[in-house]
Amino acid sequence: MNSTRAEAAPEAAPLGRRERNKLRVRERLYTAALTLFTEQGYDETSIDEIAERADVARGTFFNYFQRKEDLLGTWGEMRRDQLRDSLAADALGAGATRTRLQACMRALGKMNDEDQKETRAVLMAWVRAGRPLLEEPYLAELFSELVADGVVRGEFREGTDADRVGHALRDLYLGTLYRWCMQPGRKGALSKELLAILDILLYGALAQPAPARA
């Protein structure tokens, strides 16, 4: 099954009033938290402040999140869903692997570029909490799947390890994102940098082919 393609999902049953209200409260808490993290920083924001901004009792927070750090996991999940939505409806198509990987990098660049202040505020806390190690490596799996398709089609040299390339691309993305957050720049700068890094990984930087391994 190719997860880079949109698939028809079974139509979900309508939510009842209670479920809709619970979703609204959870969304208010999440939105309030991100706003506060952006305004004053993750470490400087308390659960009491989040509850007050969301206009709920402090105890209500714990009905949806066990601790403040859980909001960072939710942020990661929301970004994963946002990326998946942007690549849905066969947006990646069946073209060359380089073209498909470029589409991923552009989508990632745009997603972060839309709100750099929020990304910077939450990313720093997300990294300090060890979330890149704790969460499912969705991006590495997405990249690996695309590269694996390219290997089958003969676009990569024989013996290319798709999983290794996928993890390398994820590591390069996170490192580039981190630097970008530390050096606020103009719109579109992240996408440009991600595309440049992608080309270096795909085509290398040496003028001569690497020597054969002993």
N, C-alpha and C. Protein backbone atom coordinates (compact mmCIF):
# COMPACT_ATOMS: atom_id res chain seq x y z
N MET A 1 0.85 -1.20 0.00
CA MET A 1 0.00 0.00 0.00
C MET A 1 0.88 1.25 0.00
N ASN A 2 0.59 2.18 -0.87
CA ASN A 2 1.38 3.39 -0.98
C ASN A 2 0.74 4.50 -0.17
N SER A 3 1.33 4.83 0.99
CA SER A 3 0.72 5.81 1.87
C SER A 3 0.90 7.23 1.39
N THR A 4 1.68 7.44 0.31
CA THR A 4 1.84 8.80 -0.21
C THR A 4 0.67 9.18 -1.10
N ARG A 5 -0.23 8.27 -1.35
CA ARG A 5 -1.39 8.57 -2.16
C ARG A 5 -2.63 8.64 -1.27
N ALA A 6 -3.54 9.53 -1.64
CA ALA A 6 -4.77 9.65 -0.87
C ALA A 6 -5.63 8.42 -1.11
N GLU A 7 -6.25 7.93 -0.06
CA GLU A 7 -7.12 6.77 -0.17
C GLU A 7 -8.49 7.13 0.37
N ALA A 8 -9.51 6.59 -0.25
CA ALA A 8 -10.87 6.86 0.18
C ALA A 8 -11.11 6.23 1.54
N ALA A 9 -11.47 7.04 2.51
CA ALA A 9 -11.72 6.54 3.86
C ALA A 9 -13.22 6.33 4.04
N PRO A 10 -13.60 5.32 4.84
CA PRO A 10 -15.02 5.10 5.08
C PRO A 10 -15.63 6.32 5.76
N GLU A 11 -16.84 6.65 5.38
CA GLU A 11 -17.50 7.83 5.93
C GLU A 11 -17.81 7.61 7.40
N ALA A 12 -17.32 8.54 8.25
CA ALA A 12 -17.50 8.40 9.69
C ALA A 12 -18.91 8.81 10.09
N ALA A 13 -19.38 8.16 11.15
CA ALA A 13 -20.71 8.50 11.66
C ALA A 13 -20.66 9.88 12.30
N PRO A 14 -21.73 10.67 12.19
CA PRO A 14 -21.75 12.01 12.78
C PRO A 14 -21.50 11.95 14.29
N LEU A 15 -20.75 12.91 14.80
CA LEU A 15 -20.48 12.96 16.23
C LEU A 15 -21.69 13.51 16.97
N GLY A 16 -21.90 12.99 18.16
CA GLY A 16 -22.97 13.51 19.00
C GLY A 16 -22.59 14.84 19.62
N ARG A 17 -23.54 15.49 20.28
CA ARG A 17 -23.28 16.81 20.86
C ARG A 17 -22.17 16.75 21.89
N ARG A 18 -22.16 15.72 22.73
CA ARG A 18 -21.15 15.61 23.77
C ARG A 18 -19.75 15.49 23.16
N GLU A 19 -19.63 14.66 22.13
CA GLU A 19 -18.33 14.48 21.49
C GLU A 19 -17.88 15.78 20.81
N ARG A 20 -18.83 16.49 20.19
CA ARG A 20 -18.48 17.76 19.55
C ARG A 20 -18.00 18.78 20.58
N ASN A 21 -18.66 18.82 21.73
CA ASN A 21 -18.26 19.75 22.78
C ASN A 21 -16.87 19.41 23.31
N LYS A 22 -16.59 18.11 23.45
CA LYS A 22 -15.27 17.70 23.93
C LYS A 22 -14.18 18.10 22.94
N LEU A 23 -14.46 17.93 21.67
CA LEU A 23 -13.49 18.32 20.65
C LEU A 23 -13.24 19.83 20.67
N ARG A 24 -14.31 20.59 20.87
CA ARG A 24 -14.16 22.05 20.90
C ARG A 24 -13.31 22.49 22.09
N VAL A 25 -13.54 21.87 23.25
CA VAL A 25 -12.76 22.24 24.44
C VAL A 25 -11.30 21.86 24.25
N ARG A 26 -11.05 20.70 23.70
CA ARG A 26 -9.67 20.27 23.46
C ARG A 26 -8.98 21.23 22.48
N GLU A 27 -9.70 21.63 21.44
CA GLU A 27 -9.14 22.56 20.47
C GLU A 27 -8.86 23.91 21.11
N ARG A 28 -9.74 24.36 22.00
CA ARG A 28 -9.51 25.64 22.68
C ARG A 28 -8.26 25.59 23.55
N LEU A 29 -8.09 24.48 24.26
CA LEU A 29 -6.91 24.32 25.10
C LEU A 29 -5.64 24.29 24.25
N TYR A 30 -5.68 23.56 23.16
CA TYR A 30 -4.51 23.44 22.29
C TYR A 30 -4.17 24.80 21.67
N THR A 31 -5.17 25.49 21.16
CA THR A 31 -4.95 26.80 20.54
C THR A 31 -4.44 27.81 21.55
N ALA A 32 -5.03 27.79 22.75
CA ALA A 32 -4.59 28.70 23.80
C ALA A 32 -3.13 28.44 24.17
N ALA A 33 -2.77 27.17 24.25
CA ALA A 33 -1.39 26.82 24.60
C ALA A 33 -0.41 27.31 23.55
N LEU A 34 -0.71 27.06 22.27
CA LEU A 34 0.21 27.50 21.21
C LEU A 34 0.35 29.02 21.19
N THR A 35 -0.76 29.72 21.41
CA THR A 35 -0.71 31.18 21.43
C THR A 35 0.19 31.67 22.54
N LEU A 36 0.05 31.07 23.72
CA LEU A 36 0.87 31.48 24.86
C LEU A 36 2.33 31.09 24.66
N PHE A 37 2.57 29.91 24.12
CA PHE A 37 3.95 29.50 23.86
C PHE A 37 4.63 30.49 22.92
N THR A 38 3.88 30.95 21.92
CA THR A 38 4.43 31.90 20.95
C THR A 38 4.65 33.27 21.56
N GLU A 39 3.73 33.68 22.42
CA GLU A 39 3.81 35.02 23.02
C GLU A 39 4.90 35.12 24.08
N GLN A 40 5.02 34.08 24.92
CA GLN A 40 5.91 34.22 26.08
C GLN A 40 6.86 33.06 26.31
N GLY A 41 6.77 32.02 25.47
CA GLY A 41 7.68 30.89 25.60
C GLY A 41 7.03 29.70 26.28
N TYR A 42 7.51 28.52 25.93
CA TYR A 42 6.95 27.28 26.50
C TYR A 42 7.21 27.19 27.99
N ASP A 43 8.46 27.38 28.40
CA ASP A 43 8.80 27.23 29.81
C ASP A 43 8.12 28.27 30.68
N GLU A 44 7.84 29.43 30.11
CA GLU A 44 7.23 30.51 30.89
C GLU A 44 5.71 30.39 30.99
N THR A 45 5.14 29.41 30.32
CA THR A 45 3.68 29.26 30.29
C THR A 45 3.25 28.16 31.26
N SER A 46 2.31 28.46 32.10
CA SER A 46 1.81 27.48 33.08
C SER A 46 0.49 26.88 32.62
N ILE A 47 0.15 25.75 33.20
CA ILE A 47 -1.14 25.12 32.90
C ILE A 47 -2.28 26.03 33.33
N ASP A 48 -2.11 26.74 34.44
CA ASP A 48 -3.15 27.68 34.87
C ASP A 48 -3.41 28.74 33.81
N GLU A 49 -2.35 29.25 33.22
CA GLU A 49 -2.51 30.28 32.18
C GLU A 49 -3.21 29.71 30.95
N ILE A 50 -2.87 28.48 30.60
CA ILE A 50 -3.51 27.85 29.43
C ILE A 50 -5.00 27.69 29.68
N ALA A 51 -5.34 27.20 30.86
CA ALA A 51 -6.75 27.01 31.20
C ALA A 51 -7.50 28.34 31.21
N GLU A 52 -6.86 29.36 31.77
CA GLU A 52 -7.51 30.67 31.82
C GLU A 52 -7.72 31.22 30.42
N ARG A 53 -6.71 31.09 29.55
CA ARG A 53 -6.84 31.60 28.18
C ARG A 53 -7.93 30.84 27.41
N ALA A 54 -8.07 29.54 27.72
CA ALA A 54 -9.10 28.72 27.06
C ALA A 54 -10.46 28.88 27.71
N ASP A 55 -10.52 29.61 28.84
CA ASP A 55 -11.76 29.86 29.58
C ASP A 55 -12.38 28.56 30.10
N VAL A 56 -11.52 27.74 30.72
CA VAL A 56 -11.99 26.52 31.36
C VAL A 56 -11.34 26.42 32.74
N ALA A 57 -11.87 25.56 33.58
CA ALA A 57 -11.28 25.33 34.90
C ALA A 57 -9.95 24.60 34.76
N ARG A 58 -9.05 24.80 35.72
CA ARG A 58 -7.74 24.15 35.64
C ARG A 58 -7.87 22.64 35.54
N GLY A 59 -8.80 22.07 36.29
CA GLY A 59 -8.99 20.62 36.27
C GLY A 59 -9.41 20.09 34.92
N THR A 60 -10.06 20.94 34.14
CA THR A 60 -10.52 20.51 32.81
C THR A 60 -9.32 20.19 31.92
N PHE A 61 -8.22 20.90 32.12
CA PHE A 61 -7.02 20.64 31.31
C PHE A 61 -6.64 19.17 31.39
N PHE A 62 -6.69 18.60 32.59
CA PHE A 62 -6.22 17.24 32.80
C PHE A 62 -7.21 16.19 32.28
N ASN A 63 -8.37 16.61 31.86
CA ASN A 63 -9.29 15.69 31.19
C ASN A 63 -8.84 15.41 29.76
N TYR A 64 -7.95 16.27 29.24
CA TYR A 64 -7.52 16.16 27.85
C TYR A 64 -6.01 15.93 27.71
N PHE A 65 -5.24 16.45 28.64
CA PHE A 65 -3.78 16.30 28.60
C PHE A 65 -3.28 15.98 30.00
N GLN A 66 -2.45 14.96 30.12
CA GLN A 66 -1.95 14.58 31.44
C GLN A 66 -0.95 15.60 31.97
N ARG A 67 -0.21 16.21 31.07
CA ARG A 67 0.81 17.19 31.46
C ARG A 67 1.02 18.16 30.31
N LYS A 68 1.70 19.24 30.59
CA LYS A 68 1.92 20.26 29.56
C LYS A 68 2.70 19.69 28.38
N GLU A 69 3.63 18.81 28.64
CA GLU A 69 4.47 18.24 27.58
C GLU A 69 3.64 17.50 26.53
N ASP A 70 2.46 16.99 26.93
CA ASP A 70 1.63 16.27 25.97
C ASP A 70 1.18 17.17 24.82
N LEU A 71 1.15 18.47 25.05
CA LEU A 71 0.79 19.40 23.99
C LEU A 71 1.83 19.39 22.88
N LEU A 72 3.08 19.10 23.23
CA LEU A 72 4.14 19.03 22.22
C LEU A 72 3.93 17.83 21.30
N GLY A 73 3.50 16.70 21.89
CA GLY A 73 3.18 15.53 21.07
C GLY A 73 2.01 15.80 20.14
N THR A 74 1.02 16.52 20.66
CA THR A 74 -0.13 16.89 19.83
C THR A 74 0.30 17.79 18.69
N TRP A 75 1.21 18.72 18.96
CA TRP A 75 1.74 19.60 17.92
C TRP A 75 2.40 18.78 16.82
N GLY A 76 3.20 17.79 17.20
CA GLY A 76 3.83 16.94 16.20
C GLY A 76 2.83 16.18 15.37
N GLU A 77 1.77 15.68 16.01
CA GLU A 77 0.73 14.95 15.30
C GLU A 77 -0.02 15.86 14.33
N MET A 78 -0.31 17.07 14.78
CA MET A 78 -1.05 18.01 13.93
C MET A 78 -0.23 18.38 12.70
N ARG A 79 1.06 18.55 12.87
CA ARG A 79 1.92 18.90 11.74
C ARG A 79 2.03 17.72 10.77
N ARG A 80 2.07 16.52 11.31
CA ARG A 80 2.09 15.33 10.45
C ARG A 80 0.82 15.28 9.60
N ASP A 81 -0.34 15.53 10.24
CA ASP A 81 -1.60 15.51 9.52
C ASP A 81 -1.66 16.63 8.48
N GLN A 82 -1.10 17.78 8.84
CA GLN A 82 -1.09 18.92 7.90
C GLN A 82 -0.26 18.59 6.67
N LEU A 83 0.89 17.95 6.88
CA LEU A 83 1.72 17.55 5.75
C LEU A 83 1.01 16.52 4.89
N ARG A 84 0.39 15.55 5.54
CA ARG A 84 -0.31 14.51 4.81
C ARG A 84 -1.43 15.11 3.97
N ASP A 85 -2.15 16.07 4.53
CA ASP A 85 -3.23 16.71 3.78
C ASP A 85 -2.69 17.48 2.57
N SER A 86 -1.55 18.13 2.75
CA SER A 86 -0.99 18.92 1.65
C SER A 86 -0.47 18.04 0.52
N LEU A 87 -0.17 16.78 0.84
CA LEU A 87 0.33 15.86 -0.17
C LEU A 87 -0.74 14.89 -0.66
N ALA A 88 -1.97 15.11 -0.22
CA ALA A 88 -3.06 14.20 -0.57
C ALA A 88 -3.51 14.39 -2.01
N ALA A 89 -4.48 13.59 -2.38
CA ALA A 89 -5.08 13.67 -3.72
C ALA A 89 -4.03 13.49 -4.82
N ASP A 90 -3.11 12.53 -4.60
CA ASP A 90 -2.09 12.22 -5.61
C ASP A 90 -1.21 13.41 -5.95
N ALA A 91 -1.00 14.31 -4.97
CA ALA A 91 -0.18 15.49 -5.24
C ALA A 91 1.24 15.10 -5.63
N LEU A 92 1.72 13.96 -5.12
CA LEU A 92 3.07 13.53 -5.45
C LEU A 92 3.14 12.86 -6.82
N GLY A 93 2.00 12.37 -7.29
CA GLY A 93 1.97 11.76 -8.61
C GLY A 93 2.88 10.56 -8.71
N ALA A 94 3.26 10.23 -9.92
CA ALA A 94 4.11 9.08 -10.17
C ALA A 94 5.36 9.50 -10.94
N GLY A 95 5.77 10.74 -10.77
CA GLY A 95 6.93 11.24 -11.50
C GLY A 95 8.24 10.77 -10.91
N ALA A 96 9.32 11.41 -11.32
CA ALA A 96 10.65 11.05 -10.84
C ALA A 96 10.74 11.25 -9.34
N THR A 97 11.55 10.43 -8.70
CA THR A 97 11.68 10.50 -7.24
C THR A 97 12.18 11.88 -6.80
N ARG A 98 13.11 12.46 -7.54
CA ARG A 98 13.59 13.79 -7.18
C ARG A 98 12.46 14.80 -7.16
N THR A 99 11.57 14.74 -8.14
CA THR A 99 10.44 15.66 -8.20
C THR A 99 9.50 15.45 -7.02
N ARG A 100 9.28 14.22 -6.65
CA ARG A 100 8.38 13.91 -5.54
C ARG A 100 8.98 14.33 -4.21
N LEU A 101 10.28 14.13 -4.05
CA LEU A 101 10.94 14.58 -2.83
C LEU A 101 10.95 16.11 -2.75
N GLN A 102 11.12 16.76 -3.89
CA GLN A 102 11.06 18.22 -3.91
C GLN A 102 9.68 18.71 -3.46
N ALA A 103 8.63 18.02 -3.89
CA ALA A 103 7.28 18.40 -3.46
C ALA A 103 7.14 18.31 -1.95
N CYS A 104 7.72 17.28 -1.36
CA CYS A 104 7.69 17.13 0.10
C CYS A 104 8.42 18.29 0.77
N MET A 105 9.60 18.62 0.27
CA MET A 105 10.38 19.69 0.88
C MET A 105 9.67 21.04 0.75
N ARG A 106 9.04 21.28 -0.40
CA ARG A 106 8.30 22.54 -0.56
C ARG A 106 7.13 22.60 0.43
N ALA A 107 6.44 21.48 0.60
CA ALA A 107 5.31 21.43 1.53
C ALA A 107 5.78 21.68 2.96
N LEU A 108 6.90 21.08 3.34
CA LEU A 108 7.45 21.30 4.68
C LEU A 108 7.88 22.75 4.87
N GLY A 109 8.51 23.31 3.84
CA GLY A 109 8.93 24.70 3.93
C GLY A 109 7.74 25.63 4.10
N LYS A 110 6.72 25.42 3.31
CA LYS A 110 5.53 26.28 3.39
C LYS A 110 4.85 26.15 4.74
N MET A 111 4.74 24.92 5.24
CA MET A 111 4.06 24.67 6.51
C MET A 111 4.73 25.43 7.65
N ASN A 112 6.06 25.44 7.66
CA ASN A 112 6.78 26.15 8.72
C ASN A 112 6.80 27.65 8.48
N ASP A 113 6.86 28.03 7.22
CA ASP A 113 6.96 29.44 6.86
C ASP A 113 5.69 30.21 7.21
N GLU A 114 4.57 29.52 7.26
CA GLU A 114 3.30 30.18 7.51
C GLU A 114 3.24 30.82 8.89
N ASP A 115 3.97 30.25 9.86
CA ASP A 115 4.01 30.85 11.19
C ASP A 115 5.35 30.53 11.85
N GLN A 116 6.36 31.28 11.47
CA GLN A 116 7.71 31.00 11.95
C GLN A 116 7.82 31.19 13.46
N LYS A 117 7.14 32.18 14.02
CA LYS A 117 7.23 32.43 15.45
C LYS A 117 6.70 31.23 16.25
N GLU A 118 5.58 30.69 15.82
CA GLU A 118 5.03 29.52 16.50
C GLU A 118 5.96 28.33 16.36
N THR A 119 6.46 28.11 15.15
CA THR A 119 7.37 26.99 14.92
C THR A 119 8.59 27.09 15.82
N ARG A 120 9.16 28.27 15.89
CA ARG A 120 10.37 28.44 16.71
C ARG A 120 10.07 28.18 18.17
N ALA A 121 8.97 28.72 18.68
CA ALA A 121 8.64 28.58 20.10
C ALA A 121 8.41 27.12 20.49
N VAL A 122 7.68 26.40 19.65
CA VAL A 122 7.32 25.03 20.00
C VAL A 122 8.43 24.05 19.63
N LEU A 123 9.13 24.30 18.53
CA LEU A 123 10.19 23.38 18.10
C LEU A 123 11.27 23.25 19.17
N MET A 124 11.68 24.35 19.75
CA MET A 124 12.73 24.30 20.76
C MET A 124 12.31 23.41 21.94
N ALA A 125 11.08 23.58 22.39
CA ALA A 125 10.57 22.76 23.50
C ALA A 125 10.42 21.31 23.07
N TRP A 126 9.98 21.10 21.84
CA TRP A 126 9.79 19.75 21.29
C TRP A 126 11.11 18.99 21.27
N VAL A 127 12.18 19.67 20.87
CA VAL A 127 13.50 19.03 20.83
C VAL A 127 14.01 18.76 22.23
N ARG A 128 13.89 19.74 23.13
CA ARG A 128 14.38 19.56 24.51
C ARG A 128 13.67 18.42 25.22
N ALA A 129 12.41 18.20 24.87
CA ALA A 129 11.64 17.12 25.50
C ALA A 129 11.95 15.76 24.90
N GLY A 130 12.83 15.74 23.89
CA GLY A 130 13.22 14.47 23.29
C GLY A 130 12.18 13.89 22.35
N ARG A 131 11.26 14.72 21.89
CA ARG A 131 10.18 14.20 21.04
C ARG A 131 10.68 13.60 19.73
N PRO A 132 11.75 14.14 19.11
CA PRO A 132 12.22 13.52 17.86
C PRO A 132 12.61 12.05 18.04
N LEU A 133 13.02 11.69 19.26
CA LEU A 133 13.40 10.31 19.54
C LEU A 133 12.22 9.47 19.99
N LEU A 134 11.23 10.11 20.60
CA LEU A 134 10.11 9.38 21.19
C LEU A 134 8.98 9.13 20.20
N GLU A 135 8.81 10.03 19.24
CA GLU A 135 7.67 9.93 18.34
C GLU A 135 7.99 9.08 17.12
N GLU A 136 6.95 8.56 16.51
CA GLU A 136 7.09 7.76 15.29
C GLU A 136 7.79 8.59 14.22
N PRO A 137 8.84 8.04 13.58
CA PRO A 137 9.57 8.81 12.57
C PRO A 137 8.81 8.87 11.25
N TYR A 138 7.67 9.56 11.28
CA TYR A 138 6.79 9.58 10.11
C TYR A 138 7.50 10.10 8.87
N LEU A 139 8.27 11.18 9.02
CA LEU A 139 8.94 11.76 7.86
C LEU A 139 9.95 10.79 7.26
N ALA A 140 10.72 10.12 8.11
CA ALA A 140 11.70 9.16 7.61
C ALA A 140 11.00 8.05 6.82
N GLU A 141 9.86 7.62 7.31
CA GLU A 141 9.11 6.57 6.62
C GLU A 141 8.57 7.06 5.28
N LEU A 142 8.10 8.30 5.25
CA LEU A 142 7.60 8.87 4.00
C LEU A 142 8.73 8.98 2.97
N PHE A 143 9.86 9.54 3.40
CA PHE A 143 11.00 9.65 2.50
C PHE A 143 11.47 8.27 2.03
N SER A 144 11.54 7.33 2.97
CA SER A 144 12.02 5.98 2.62
C SER A 144 11.12 5.33 1.58
N GLU A 145 9.84 5.53 1.72
CA GLU A 145 8.90 4.94 0.76
C GLU A 145 9.11 5.50 -0.64
N LEU A 146 9.30 6.81 -0.72
CA LEU A 146 9.54 7.43 -2.02
C LEU A 146 10.85 6.93 -2.63
N VAL A 147 11.89 6.85 -1.81
CA VAL A 147 13.18 6.39 -2.31
C VAL A 147 13.09 4.92 -2.74
N ALA A 148 12.37 4.11 -1.97
CA ALA A 148 12.21 2.70 -2.32
C ALA A 148 11.56 2.55 -3.69
N ASP A 149 10.57 3.40 -3.99
CA ASP A 149 9.96 3.38 -5.32
C ASP A 149 11.00 3.72 -6.38
N GLY A 150 11.86 4.70 -6.07
CA GLY A 150 12.90 5.09 -7.02
C GLY A 150 13.93 4.00 -7.23
N VAL A 151 14.23 3.25 -6.19
CA VAL A 151 15.18 2.13 -6.31
C VAL A 151 14.62 1.08 -7.27
N VAL A 152 13.34 0.76 -7.10
CA VAL A 152 12.70 -0.23 -7.96
C VAL A 152 12.73 0.21 -9.41
N ARG A 153 12.60 1.52 -9.64
CA ARG A 153 12.57 2.04 -11.01
C ARG A 153 13.97 2.33 -11.57
N GLY A 154 14.99 2.00 -10.80
CA GLY A 154 16.36 2.17 -11.28
C GLY A 154 16.88 3.59 -11.22
N GLU A 155 16.28 4.45 -10.40
CA GLU A 155 16.72 5.84 -10.30
C GLU A 155 17.91 6.01 -9.36
N PHE A 156 18.19 5.02 -8.54
CA PHE A 156 19.30 5.08 -7.61
C PHE A 156 20.28 3.95 -7.92
N ARG A 157 21.51 4.13 -7.49
CA ARG A 157 22.50 3.11 -7.78
C ARG A 157 22.16 1.82 -7.03
N GLU A 158 22.64 0.73 -7.55
CA GLU A 158 22.36 -0.58 -6.99
C GLU A 158 22.87 -0.65 -5.55
N GLY A 159 22.06 -1.22 -4.69
CA GLY A 159 22.44 -1.38 -3.29
C GLY A 159 22.04 -0.22 -2.40
N THR A 160 21.36 0.79 -2.95
CA THR A 160 20.92 1.92 -2.14
C THR A 160 19.95 1.45 -1.06
N ASP A 161 20.19 1.83 0.17
CA ASP A 161 19.33 1.48 1.31
C ASP A 161 18.29 2.59 1.48
N ALA A 162 17.06 2.31 1.09
CA ALA A 162 16.01 3.34 1.13
C ALA A 162 15.75 3.83 2.55
N ASP A 163 15.79 2.94 3.53
CA ASP A 163 15.54 3.35 4.91
C ASP A 163 16.64 4.29 5.40
N ARG A 164 17.87 3.99 5.05
CA ARG A 164 18.98 4.84 5.47
C ARG A 164 18.87 6.22 4.83
N VAL A 165 18.52 6.26 3.56
CA VAL A 165 18.35 7.56 2.89
C VAL A 165 17.19 8.32 3.51
N GLY A 166 16.10 7.62 3.82
CA GLY A 166 14.94 8.27 4.42
C GLY A 166 15.28 8.91 5.76
N HIS A 167 16.02 8.21 6.59
CA HIS A 167 16.41 8.77 7.89
C HIS A 167 17.40 9.91 7.71
N ALA A 168 18.28 9.80 6.73
CA ALA A 168 19.23 10.90 6.46
C ALA A 168 18.47 12.16 6.05
N LEU A 169 17.45 12.01 5.21
CA LEU A 169 16.65 13.16 4.78
C LEU A 169 15.91 13.78 5.95
N ARG A 170 15.38 12.95 6.83
CA ARG A 170 14.69 13.47 8.02
C ARG A 170 15.67 14.24 8.91
N ASP A 171 16.85 13.69 9.10
CA ASP A 171 17.85 14.37 9.93
C ASP A 171 18.26 15.70 9.31
N LEU A 172 18.44 15.72 7.99
CA LEU A 172 18.79 16.96 7.30
C LEU A 172 17.67 17.99 7.41
N TYR A 173 16.44 17.52 7.30
CA TYR A 173 15.30 18.43 7.42
C TYR A 173 15.26 19.07 8.81
N LEU A 174 15.37 18.24 9.86
CA LEU A 174 15.29 18.77 11.22
C LEU A 174 16.44 19.72 11.52
N GLY A 175 17.64 19.38 11.04
CA GLY A 175 18.77 20.27 11.26
C GLY A 175 18.60 21.60 10.54
N THR A 176 18.11 21.55 9.31
CA THR A 176 17.88 22.77 8.54
C THR A 176 16.77 23.60 9.18
N LEU A 177 15.72 22.94 9.65
CA LEU A 177 14.62 23.64 10.32
C LEU A 177 15.12 24.34 11.58
N TYR A 178 15.96 23.67 12.33
CA TYR A 178 16.50 24.25 13.57
C TYR A 178 17.31 25.51 13.26
N ARG A 179 18.20 25.44 12.27
CA ARG A 179 19.00 26.60 11.91
C ARG A 179 18.12 27.75 11.42
N TRP A 180 17.12 27.42 10.65
CA TRP A 180 16.20 28.44 10.12
C TRP A 180 15.48 29.16 11.25
N CYS A 181 15.08 28.40 12.27
CA CYS A 181 14.39 29.01 13.40
C CYS A 181 15.31 29.95 14.18
N MET A 182 16.60 29.64 14.19
CA MET A 182 17.56 30.47 14.92
C MET A 182 17.94 31.72 14.14
N GLN A 183 17.68 31.71 12.84
CA GLN A 183 18.06 32.84 11.99
C GLN A 183 16.85 33.28 11.16
N PRO A 184 15.92 34.00 11.77
CA PRO A 184 14.72 34.43 11.05
C PRO A 184 15.09 35.11 9.73
N GLY A 185 14.42 34.70 8.68
CA GLY A 185 14.74 35.26 7.36
C GLY A 185 13.49 35.57 6.57
N ARG A 186 13.71 35.79 5.29
CA ARG A 186 12.61 36.17 4.44
C ARG A 186 11.72 34.96 4.11
N LYS A 187 10.53 35.25 3.64
CA LYS A 187 9.59 34.21 3.24
C LYS A 187 10.20 33.35 2.14
N GLY A 188 10.00 32.06 2.27
CA GLY A 188 10.47 31.13 1.25
C GLY A 188 11.90 30.67 1.43
N ALA A 189 12.63 31.26 2.40
CA ALA A 189 14.04 30.90 2.59
C ALA A 189 14.19 29.44 3.00
N LEU A 190 13.28 28.93 3.81
CA LEU A 190 13.39 27.55 4.28
C LEU A 190 13.22 26.57 3.12
N SER A 191 12.22 26.80 2.28
CA SER A 191 12.00 25.91 1.14
C SER A 191 13.22 25.89 0.23
N LYS A 192 13.79 27.05 0.00
CA LYS A 192 14.98 27.14 -0.86
C LYS A 192 16.13 26.34 -0.28
N GLU A 193 16.33 26.46 1.03
CA GLU A 193 17.42 25.74 1.69
C GLU A 193 17.18 24.24 1.68
N LEU A 194 15.95 23.83 1.91
CA LEU A 194 15.62 22.40 1.91
C LEU A 194 15.86 21.78 0.53
N LEU A 195 15.51 22.51 -0.51
CA LEU A 195 15.73 22.00 -1.87
C LEU A 195 17.22 21.89 -2.17
N ALA A 196 18.00 22.86 -1.69
CA ALA A 196 19.45 22.81 -1.91
C ALA A 196 20.07 21.63 -1.18
N ILE A 197 19.64 21.41 0.06
CA ILE A 197 20.15 20.28 0.85
C ILE A 197 19.76 18.96 0.20
N LEU A 198 18.56 18.89 -0.33
CA LEU A 198 18.10 17.67 -1.01
C LEU A 198 18.99 17.35 -2.19
N ASP A 199 19.33 18.35 -2.98
CA ASP A 199 20.18 18.12 -4.15
C ASP A 199 21.58 17.65 -3.75
N ILE A 200 22.10 18.19 -2.64
CA ILE A 200 23.41 17.76 -2.18
C ILE A 200 23.38 16.28 -1.81
N LEU A 201 22.31 15.87 -1.12
CA LEU A 201 22.22 14.46 -0.73
C LEU A 201 22.06 13.56 -1.95
N LEU A 202 21.25 13.99 -2.91
CA LEU A 202 20.99 13.15 -4.07
C LEU A 202 22.17 13.08 -5.03
N TYR A 203 22.88 14.20 -5.20
CA TYR A 203 23.92 14.25 -6.21
C TYR A 203 25.34 14.36 -5.65
N GLY A 204 25.47 14.62 -4.35
CA GLY A 204 26.78 14.70 -3.76
C GLY A 204 27.47 16.02 -3.99
N ALA A 205 28.64 16.18 -3.37
CA ALA A 205 29.39 17.43 -3.48
C ALA A 205 30.78 17.22 -4.06
N LEU A 206 31.22 16.00 -4.12
CA LEU A 206 32.56 15.73 -4.64
C LEU A 206 32.61 15.86 -6.16
N ALA A 207 33.72 16.36 -6.65
CA ALA A 207 33.89 16.48 -8.11
C ALA A 207 34.14 15.12 -8.74
N GLN A 208 34.74 14.19 -7.98
CA GLN A 208 35.02 12.85 -8.48
C GLN A 208 34.20 11.83 -7.70
N PRO A 209 33.89 10.70 -8.33
CA PRO A 209 33.16 9.65 -7.62
C PRO A 209 33.93 9.19 -6.39
N ALA A 210 33.19 8.79 -5.36
CA ALA A 210 33.83 8.30 -4.13
C ALA A 210 34.60 7.02 -4.43
N PRO A 211 35.76 6.83 -3.75
CA PRO A 211 36.54 5.61 -3.98
C PRO A 211 35.79 4.38 -3.50
N ALA A 212 36.10 3.25 -4.11
CA ALA A 212 35.46 1.99 -3.73
C ALA A 212 35.87 1.63 -2.29
N ARG A 213 34.94 1.05 -1.56
CA ARG A 213 35.24 0.64 -0.19
C ARG A 213 36.18 -0.56 -0.19
N ALA A 214 37.04 -0.57 0.84
CA ALA A 214 37.98 -1.69 0.97
C ALA A 214 37.23 -2.94 1.41
